[in-house]
């Protein structure tokens, strides 16, 4: 095992601490010292090297393997419908003056009334009145897939047409108004866009499989 690899491992551990004193104190808590740390790192690197050597004998992943995986696991490569959403939030906080439930509802109702007359002002109204960090970006939540919103919001959000404004909807955070900017329909992710990710997954699976089999063989020989 090259000394440079061990030195690099020790240096990497050392960088996690603000001072040499903290480094030594943590080693002592783990029943280690600089010498035994080096020995531990060297041992781990040797094990990794052996396992890498074992994994090098794994069967190569072919283009056919990739294509078969894509077809057999087609459900993994379906893209759900997403919606580009914006929202305005009026929070409910009965312990804060001006944010009690009735006050929060009055505030959101006034905003909703203005937006019903001029929905194009949504981003402006979000910047002025929304009590969510998204206010800085016009209330933009981004592309949202099913299951990512509060359950109270999702039915309203996924019933909107592009450009449509929701009614006032309540969630555990408070009162919301939602706007759908656009809808991205469900579809399939192409094989070409996923090819290298699938190849990497298959390679990792084969490497782990051959490593596990080799380790299991060691235990069988010992018994």
C-alpha atoms as a PDB file:
ATOM      1  CA  UNK A   1       0.000   0.000   0.000  1.00  0.00           C
ATOM      2  CA  UNK A   2       1.638   3.323  -1.079  1.00  0.00           C
ATOM      3  CA  UNK A   3       2.499   5.570   1.858  1.00  0.00           C
ATOM      4  CA  UNK A   4       1.038   8.510  -0.055  1.00  0.00           C
ATOM      5  CA  UNK A   5      -2.425   6.894   0.062  1.00  0.00           C
ATOM      6  CA  UNK A   6      -2.190   6.387   3.818  1.00  0.00           C
ATOM      7  CA  UNK A   7      -0.869   9.931   4.306  1.00  0.00           C
ATOM      8  CA  UNK A   8      -3.755  11.284   2.242  1.00  0.00           C
ATOM      9  CA  UNK A   9      -6.245   9.329   4.346  1.00  0.00           C
ATOM     10  CA  UNK A  10      -4.777  10.665   7.590  1.00  0.00           C
ATOM     11  CA  UNK A  11      -4.745  14.213   6.202  1.00  0.00           C
ATOM     12  CA  UNK A  12      -8.389  13.910   5.167  1.00  0.00           C
ATOM     13  CA  UNK A  13      -9.372  12.873   8.695  1.00  0.00           C
ATOM     14  CA  UNK A  14      -7.294  15.708  10.176  1.00  0.00           C
ATOM     15  CA  UNK A  15      -9.091  18.351   8.083  1.00  0.00           C
ATOM     16  CA  UNK A  16     -12.335  17.567   9.915  1.00  0.00           C
ATOM     17  CA  UNK A  17     -11.006  19.241  13.067  1.00  0.00           C
ATOM     18  CA  UNK A  18     -10.365  22.892  13.797  1.00  0.00           C
ATOM     19  CA  UNK A  19      -7.248  22.197  15.853  1.00  0.00           C
ATOM     20  CA  UNK A  20      -4.691  19.504  16.623  1.00  0.00           C
ATOM     21  CA  UNK A  21      -6.026  19.370  20.184  1.00  0.00           C
ATOM     22  CA  UNK A  22      -9.538  18.521  19.005  1.00  0.00           C
ATOM     23  CA  UNK A  23      -8.104  15.916  16.637  1.00  0.00           C
ATOM     24  CA  UNK A  24      -6.125  14.146  19.386  1.00  0.00           C
ATOM     25  CA  UNK A  25      -9.026  14.376  21.860  1.00  0.00           C
ATOM     26  CA  UNK A  26     -11.405  12.705  19.414  1.00  0.00           C
ATOM     27  CA  UNK A  27      -8.885   9.963  18.673  1.00  0.00           C
ATOM     28  CA  UNK A  28      -8.599   9.268  22.386  1.00  0.00           C
ATOM     29  CA  UNK A  29     -12.391   9.027  22.701  1.00  0.00           C
ATOM     30  CA  UNK A  30     -12.252   6.329  20.024  1.00  0.00           C
ATOM     31  CA  UNK A  31      -9.378   4.524  21.760  1.00  0.00           C
ATOM     32  CA  UNK A  32      -6.998   5.554  18.976  1.00  0.00           C
ATOM     33  CA  UNK A  33      -3.803   7.556  18.622  1.00  0.00           C
ATOM     34  CA  UNK A  34      -2.002   8.837  15.478  1.00  0.00           C
ATOM     35  CA  UNK A  35      -0.163   5.513  15.067  1.00  0.00           C
ATOM     36  CA  UNK A  36      -3.204   3.270  15.410  1.00  0.00           C
ATOM     37  CA  UNK A  37      -5.189   5.651  13.171  1.00  0.00           C
ATOM     38  CA  UNK A  38      -2.597   5.166  10.423  1.00  0.00           C
ATOM     39  CA  UNK A  39      -2.746   1.418  10.927  1.00  0.00           C
ATOM     40  CA  UNK A  40      -6.548   1.456  10.711  1.00  0.00           C
ATOM     41  CA  UNK A  41      -6.521   3.538   7.533  1.00  0.00           C
ATOM     42  CA  UNK A  42      -3.863   1.317   5.950  1.00  0.00           C
ATOM     43  CA  UNK A  43      -5.910  -1.784   6.775  1.00  0.00           C
ATOM     44  CA  UNK A  44      -9.068  -0.258   5.291  1.00  0.00           C
ATOM     45  CA  UNK A  45      -7.228   0.744   2.123  1.00  0.00           C
ATOM     46  CA  UNK A  46      -5.881  -2.777   1.726  1.00  0.00           C
ATOM     47  CA  UNK A  47      -9.367  -4.227   2.075  1.00  0.00           C
ATOM     48  CA  UNK A  48     -10.688  -1.745  -0.492  1.00  0.00           C
ATOM     49  CA  UNK A  49      -7.884  -2.658  -2.890  1.00  0.00           C
ATOM     50  CA  UNK A  50      -8.646  -6.361  -2.551  1.00  0.00           C
ATOM     51  CA  UNK A  51     -12.370  -5.828  -3.084  1.00  0.00           C
ATOM     52  CA  UNK A  52     -11.676  -3.607  -6.100  1.00  0.00           C
ATOM     53  CA  UNK A  53      -9.555  -6.413  -7.527  1.00  0.00           C
ATOM     54  CA  UNK A  54     -12.336  -8.922  -6.942  1.00  0.00           C
ATOM     55  CA  UNK A  55     -14.897  -6.596  -8.525  1.00  0.00           C
ATOM     56  CA  UNK A  56     -12.736  -6.188 -11.618  1.00  0.00           C
ATOM     57  CA  UNK A  57     -13.764  -9.721 -12.615  1.00  0.00           C
ATOM     58  CA  UNK A  58     -17.446  -8.773 -12.847  1.00  0.00           C
ATOM     59  CA  UNK A  59     -19.017  -9.338 -16.246  1.00  0.00           C
ATOM     60  CA  UNK A  60     -19.027  -6.291 -18.512  1.00  0.00           C
ATOM     61  CA  UNK A  61     -22.345  -4.512 -19.079  1.00  0.00           C
ATOM     62  CA  UNK A  62     -23.352  -4.621 -22.733  1.00  0.00           C
ATOM     63  CA  UNK A  63     -25.690  -2.372 -24.680  1.00  0.00           C
ATOM     64  CA  UNK A  64     -28.149  -5.279 -24.749  1.00  0.00           C
ATOM     65  CA  UNK A  65     -28.034  -5.501 -20.949  1.00  0.00           C
ATOM     66  CA  UNK A  66     -28.863  -1.794 -20.717  1.00  0.00           C
ATOM     67  CA  UNK A  67     -31.750  -2.051 -23.175  1.00  0.00           C
ATOM     68  CA  UNK A  68     -33.214  -5.127 -21.447  1.00  0.00           C
ATOM     69  CA  UNK A  69     -33.108  -3.379 -18.061  1.00  0.00           C
ATOM     70  CA  UNK A  70     -34.869  -0.350 -19.547  1.00  0.00           C
ATOM     71  CA  UNK A  71     -37.643  -2.500 -21.034  1.00  0.00           C
ATOM     72  CA  UNK A  72     -38.110  -4.783 -18.025  1.00  0.00           C
ATOM     73  CA  UNK A  73     -38.214  -1.844 -15.587  1.00  0.00           C
ATOM     74  CA  UNK A  74     -40.174   0.527 -17.790  1.00  0.00           C
ATOM     75  CA  UNK A  75     -42.225   1.745 -14.815  1.00  0.00           C
ATOM     76  CA  UNK A  76     -39.077   3.372 -13.414  1.00  0.00           C
ATOM     77  CA  UNK A  77     -38.763   5.546 -16.491  1.00  0.00           C
ATOM     78  CA  UNK A  78     -42.225   7.063 -16.528  1.00  0.00           C
ATOM     79  CA  UNK A  79     -42.242  10.788 -15.864  1.00  0.00           C
ATOM     80  CA  UNK A  80     -45.302  11.943 -13.868  1.00  0.00           C
ATOM     81  CA  UNK A  81     -47.285  15.001 -14.819  1.00  0.00           C
ATOM     82  CA  UNK A  82     -45.849  18.098 -13.179  1.00  0.00           C
ATOM     83  CA  UNK A  83     -47.182  21.605 -12.827  1.00  0.00           C
ATOM     84  CA  UNK A  84     -45.331  24.873 -12.610  1.00  0.00           C
ATOM     85  CA  UNK A  85     -46.997  26.493  -9.612  1.00  0.00           C
ATOM     86  CA  UNK A  86     -46.918  29.753  -7.716  1.00  0.00           C
ATOM     87  CA  UNK A  87     -48.522  30.433  -4.358  1.00  0.00           C
ATOM     88  CA  UNK A  88     -49.224  33.191  -1.898  1.00  0.00           C
ATOM     89  CA  UNK A  89     -49.269  32.299   1.788  1.00  0.00           C
ATOM     90  CA  UNK A  90     -50.943  34.089   4.678  1.00  0.00           C
ATOM     91  CA  UNK A  91     -49.789  32.343   7.835  1.00  0.00           C
ATOM     92  CA  UNK A  92     -51.944  31.688  10.880  1.00  0.00           C
ATOM     93  CA  UNK A  93     -50.308  32.528  14.205  1.00  0.00           C
ATOM     94  CA  UNK A  94     -52.715  33.280  17.031  1.00  0.00           C
ATOM     95  CA  UNK A  95     -49.800  34.416  19.179  1.00  0.00           C
ATOM     96  CA  UNK A  96     -48.795  37.184  16.772  1.00  0.00           C
ATOM     97  CA  UNK A  97     -50.842  40.334  16.378  1.00  0.00           C
ATOM     98  CA  UNK A  98     -52.144  40.684  12.831  1.00  0.00           C
ATOM     99  CA  UNK A  99     -51.669  36.992  12.056  1.00  0.00           C
ATOM    100  CA  UNK A 100     -54.584  35.557  14.023  1.00  0.00           C
ATOM    101  CA  UNK A 101     -56.830  33.241  12.056  1.00  0.00           C
ATOM    102  CA  UNK A 102     -59.472  35.872  11.223  1.00  0.00           C
ATOM    103  CA  UNK A 103     -56.829  38.452  10.279  1.00  0.00           C
ATOM    104  CA  UNK A 104     -54.974  35.980   8.068  1.00  0.00           C
ATOM    105  CA  UNK A 105     -58.210  35.028   6.329  1.00  0.00           C
ATOM    106  CA  UNK A 106     -59.166  38.646   5.724  1.00  0.00           C
ATOM    107  CA  UNK A 107     -55.740  39.324   4.270  1.00  0.00           C
ATOM    108  CA  UNK A 108     -55.815  36.378   1.852  1.00  0.00           C
ATOM    109  CA  UNK A 109     -59.421  37.130   0.821  1.00  0.00           C
ATOM    110  CA  UNK A 110     -58.428  40.694  -0.085  1.00  0.00           C
ATOM    111  CA  UNK A 111     -55.491  39.443  -2.166  1.00  0.00           C
ATOM    112  CA  UNK A 112     -57.714  36.867  -3.876  1.00  0.00           C
ATOM    113  CA  UNK A 113     -60.270  39.523  -4.742  1.00  0.00           C
ATOM    114  CA  UNK A 114     -57.588  41.669  -6.404  1.00  0.00           C
ATOM    115  CA  UNK A 115     -56.194  38.701  -8.330  1.00  0.00           C
ATOM    116  CA  UNK A 116     -59.577  37.609  -9.618  1.00  0.00           C
ATOM    117  CA  UNK A 117     -59.738  40.992 -11.365  1.00  0.00           C
ATOM    118  CA  UNK A 118     -56.078  40.984 -12.483  1.00  0.00           C
ATOM    119  CA  UNK A 119     -54.450  37.504 -12.267  1.00  0.00           C
ATOM    120  CA  UNK A 120     -51.420  38.825 -14.155  1.00  0.00           C
ATOM    121  CA  UNK A 121     -50.481  40.644 -10.925  1.00  0.00           C
ATOM    122  CA  UNK A 122     -49.865  37.354  -9.095  1.00  0.00           C
ATOM    123  CA  UNK A 123     -46.060  37.647  -8.920  1.00  0.00           C
ATOM    124  CA  UNK A 124     -46.333  41.262  -7.783  1.00  0.00           C
ATOM    125  CA  UNK A 125     -48.861  40.394  -5.070  1.00  0.00           C
ATOM    126  CA  UNK A 126     -46.717  37.461  -3.928  1.00  0.00           C
ATOM    127  CA  UNK A 127     -43.674  39.710  -3.584  1.00  0.00           C
ATOM    128  CA  UNK A 128     -45.660  42.244  -1.558  1.00  0.00           C
ATOM    129  CA  UNK A 129     -47.813  40.037   0.632  1.00  0.00           C
ATOM    130  CA  UNK A 130     -46.802  36.358   0.721  1.00  0.00           C
ATOM    131  CA  UNK A 131     -45.279  35.154   3.997  1.00  0.00           C
ATOM    132  CA  UNK A 132     -43.245  32.397   2.344  1.00  0.00           C
ATOM    133  CA  UNK A 133     -39.591  32.681   1.201  1.00  0.00           C
ATOM    134  CA  UNK A 134     -40.841  32.049  -2.361  1.00  0.00           C
ATOM    135  CA  UNK A 135     -42.239  35.589  -2.258  1.00  0.00           C
ATOM    136  CA  UNK A 136     -38.830  36.848  -3.390  1.00  0.00           C
ATOM    137  CA  UNK A 137     -39.333  34.923  -6.638  1.00  0.00           C
ATOM    138  CA  UNK A 138     -42.932  35.898  -7.248  1.00  0.00           C
ATOM    139  CA  UNK A 139     -44.275  32.957  -5.252  1.00  0.00           C
ATOM    140  CA  UNK A 140     -42.736  30.411  -7.618  1.00  0.00           C
ATOM    141  CA  UNK A 141     -42.759  26.843  -6.275  1.00  0.00           C
ATOM    142  CA  UNK A 142     -41.297  25.453  -9.501  1.00  0.00           C
ATOM    143  CA  UNK A 143     -42.237  22.214 -11.231  1.00  0.00           C
ATOM    144  CA  UNK A 144     -44.200  20.174  -8.717  1.00  0.00           C
ATOM    145  CA  UNK A 145     -45.008  16.462  -9.023  1.00  0.00           C
ATOM    146  CA  UNK A 146     -47.885  14.703  -7.242  1.00  0.00           C
ATOM    147  CA  UNK A 147     -47.125  13.950  -3.600  1.00  0.00           C
ATOM    148  CA  UNK A 148     -44.882  16.980  -3.049  1.00  0.00           C
ATOM    149  CA  UNK A 149     -47.461  19.391  -1.652  1.00  0.00           C
ATOM    150  CA  UNK A 150     -49.478  19.367   1.543  1.00  0.00           C
ATOM    151  CA  UNK A 151     -52.404  16.976   1.005  1.00  0.00           C
ATOM    152  CA  UNK A 152     -54.793  19.880   1.501  1.00  0.00           C
ATOM    153  CA  UNK A 153     -53.249  21.745  -1.450  1.00  0.00           C
ATOM    154  CA  UNK A 154     -52.746  18.977  -3.965  1.00  0.00           C
ATOM    155  CA  UNK A 155     -56.358  18.487  -5.179  1.00  0.00           C
ATOM    156  CA  UNK A 156     -56.699  22.207  -5.873  1.00  0.00           C
ATOM    157  CA  UNK A 157     -53.269  22.474  -7.504  1.00  0.00           C
ATOM    158  CA  UNK A 158     -53.754  19.547  -9.870  1.00  0.00           C
ATOM    159  CA  UNK A 159     -57.232  20.647 -10.896  1.00  0.00           C
ATOM    160  CA  UNK A 160     -55.990  23.979 -12.281  1.00  0.00           C
ATOM    161  CA  UNK A 161     -55.613  24.707 -15.961  1.00  0.00           C
ATOM    162  CA  UNK A 162     -52.620  26.752 -17.155  1.00  0.00           C
ATOM    163  CA  UNK A 163     -53.125  30.364 -16.110  1.00  0.00           C
ATOM    164  CA  UNK A 164     -55.931  29.461 -13.700  1.00  0.00           C
ATOM    165  CA  UNK A 165     -56.170  30.806 -10.161  1.00  0.00           C
ATOM    166  CA  UNK A 166     -57.340  28.658  -7.254  1.00  0.00           C
ATOM    167  CA  UNK A 167     -59.686  29.636  -4.489  1.00  0.00           C
ATOM    168  CA  UNK A 168     -58.376  30.123  -0.958  1.00  0.00           C
ATOM    169  CA  UNK A 169     -57.042  26.799   0.361  1.00  0.00           C
ATOM    170  CA  UNK A 170     -55.993  26.078   3.939  1.00  0.00           C
ATOM    171  CA  UNK A 171     -52.983  23.976   4.966  1.00  0.00           C
ATOM    172  CA  UNK A 172     -51.190  23.536   8.299  1.00  0.00           C
ATOM    173  CA  UNK A 173     -49.143  26.620   7.389  1.00  0.00           C
ATOM    174  CA  UNK A 174     -52.084  28.922   6.799  1.00  0.00           C
ATOM    175  CA  UNK A 175     -54.126  30.137   3.834  1.00  0.00           C
ATOM    176  CA  UNK A 176     -52.896  29.818   0.237  1.00  0.00           C
ATOM    177  CA  UNK A 177     -53.771  31.000  -3.224  1.00  0.00           C
ATOM    178  CA  UNK A 178     -52.311  28.915  -6.050  1.00  0.00           C
ATOM    179  CA  UNK A 179     -51.631  29.760  -9.677  1.00  0.00           C
ATOM    180  CA  UNK A 180     -50.734  27.234 -12.378  1.00  0.00           C
ATOM    181  CA  UNK A 181     -48.228  28.680 -14.830  1.00  0.00           C
ATOM    182  CA  UNK A 182     -47.905  25.560 -16.997  1.00  0.00           C
ATOM    183  CA  UNK A 183     -48.509  21.804 -17.145  1.00  0.00           C
ATOM    184  CA  UNK A 184     -45.847  19.309 -18.182  1.00  0.00           C
ATOM    185  CA  UNK A 185     -47.664  16.117 -19.240  1.00  0.00           C
ATOM    186  CA  UNK A 186     -46.701  12.658 -18.071  1.00  0.00           C
ATOM    187  CA  UNK A 187     -44.482  10.665 -20.400  1.00  0.00           C
ATOM    188  CA  UNK A 188     -41.587   8.261 -20.715  1.00  0.00           C
ATOM    189  CA  UNK A 189     -37.957   9.184 -20.137  1.00  0.00           C
ATOM    190  CA  UNK A 190     -35.997   8.119 -23.210  1.00  0.00           C
ATOM    191  CA  UNK A 191     -33.472   5.300 -23.143  1.00  0.00           C
ATOM    192  CA  UNK A 192     -30.789   7.586 -24.560  1.00  0.00           C
ATOM    193  CA  UNK A 193     -31.128  10.019 -21.659  1.00  0.00           C
ATOM    194  CA  UNK A 194     -30.921   7.190 -19.097  1.00  0.00           C
ATOM    195  CA  UNK A 195     -28.399   4.900 -20.801  1.00  0.00           C
ATOM    196  CA  UNK A 196     -25.321   5.854 -18.768  1.00  0.00           C
ATOM    197  CA  UNK A 197     -27.217   5.932 -15.481  1.00  0.00           C
ATOM    198  CA  UNK A 198     -28.542   2.411 -16.152  1.00  0.00           C
ATOM    199  CA  UNK A 199     -25.060   1.219 -17.123  1.00  0.00           C
ATOM    200  CA  UNK A 200     -23.613   2.604 -13.891  1.00  0.00           C
ATOM    201  CA  UNK A 201     -26.362   0.952 -11.848  1.00  0.00           C
ATOM    202  CA  UNK A 202     -25.768  -2.434 -13.493  1.00  0.00           C
ATOM    203  CA  UNK A 203     -22.008  -2.156 -13.090  1.00  0.00           C
ATOM    204  CA  UNK A 204     -22.348  -1.307  -9.384  1.00  0.00           C
ATOM    205  CA  UNK A 205     -24.810  -4.170  -8.876  1.00  0.00           C
ATOM    206  CA  UNK A 206     -22.478  -6.674 -10.523  1.00  0.00           C
ATOM    207  CA  UNK A 207     -19.472  -5.423  -8.602  1.00  0.00           C
ATOM    208  CA  UNK A 208     -21.287  -5.707  -5.271  1.00  0.00           C
ATOM    209  CA  UNK A 209     -22.635  -9.129  -6.176  1.00  0.00           C
ATOM    210  CA  UNK A 210     -19.228 -10.608  -6.978  1.00  0.00           C
ATOM    211  CA  UNK A 211     -17.721  -9.020  -3.854  1.00  0.00           C
ATOM    212  CA  UNK A 212     -20.443 -10.517  -1.644  1.00  0.00           C
ATOM    213  CA  UNK A 213     -19.961 -13.942  -3.237  1.00  0.00           C
ATOM    214  CA  UNK A 214     -16.201 -13.756  -2.672  1.00  0.00           C
ATOM    215  CA  UNK A 215     -16.632 -12.768   0.990  1.00  0.00           C
ATOM    216  CA  UNK A 216     -19.196 -15.549   1.500  1.00  0.00           C
ATOM    217  CA  UNK A 217     -16.681 -18.001   0.027  1.00  0.00           C
ATOM    218  CA  UNK A 218     -14.102 -16.892   2.589  1.00  0.00           C
ATOM    219  CA  UNK A 219     -16.494 -17.684   5.438  1.00  0.00           C
ATOM    220  CA  UNK A 220     -17.330 -21.080   3.953  1.00  0.00           C
ATOM    221  CA  UNK A 221     -13.654 -21.979   3.734  1.00  0.00           C
ATOM    222  CA  UNK A 222     -13.146 -20.950   7.377  1.00  0.00           C
ATOM    223  CA  UNK A 223     -15.968 -23.200   8.562  1.00  0.00           C
END
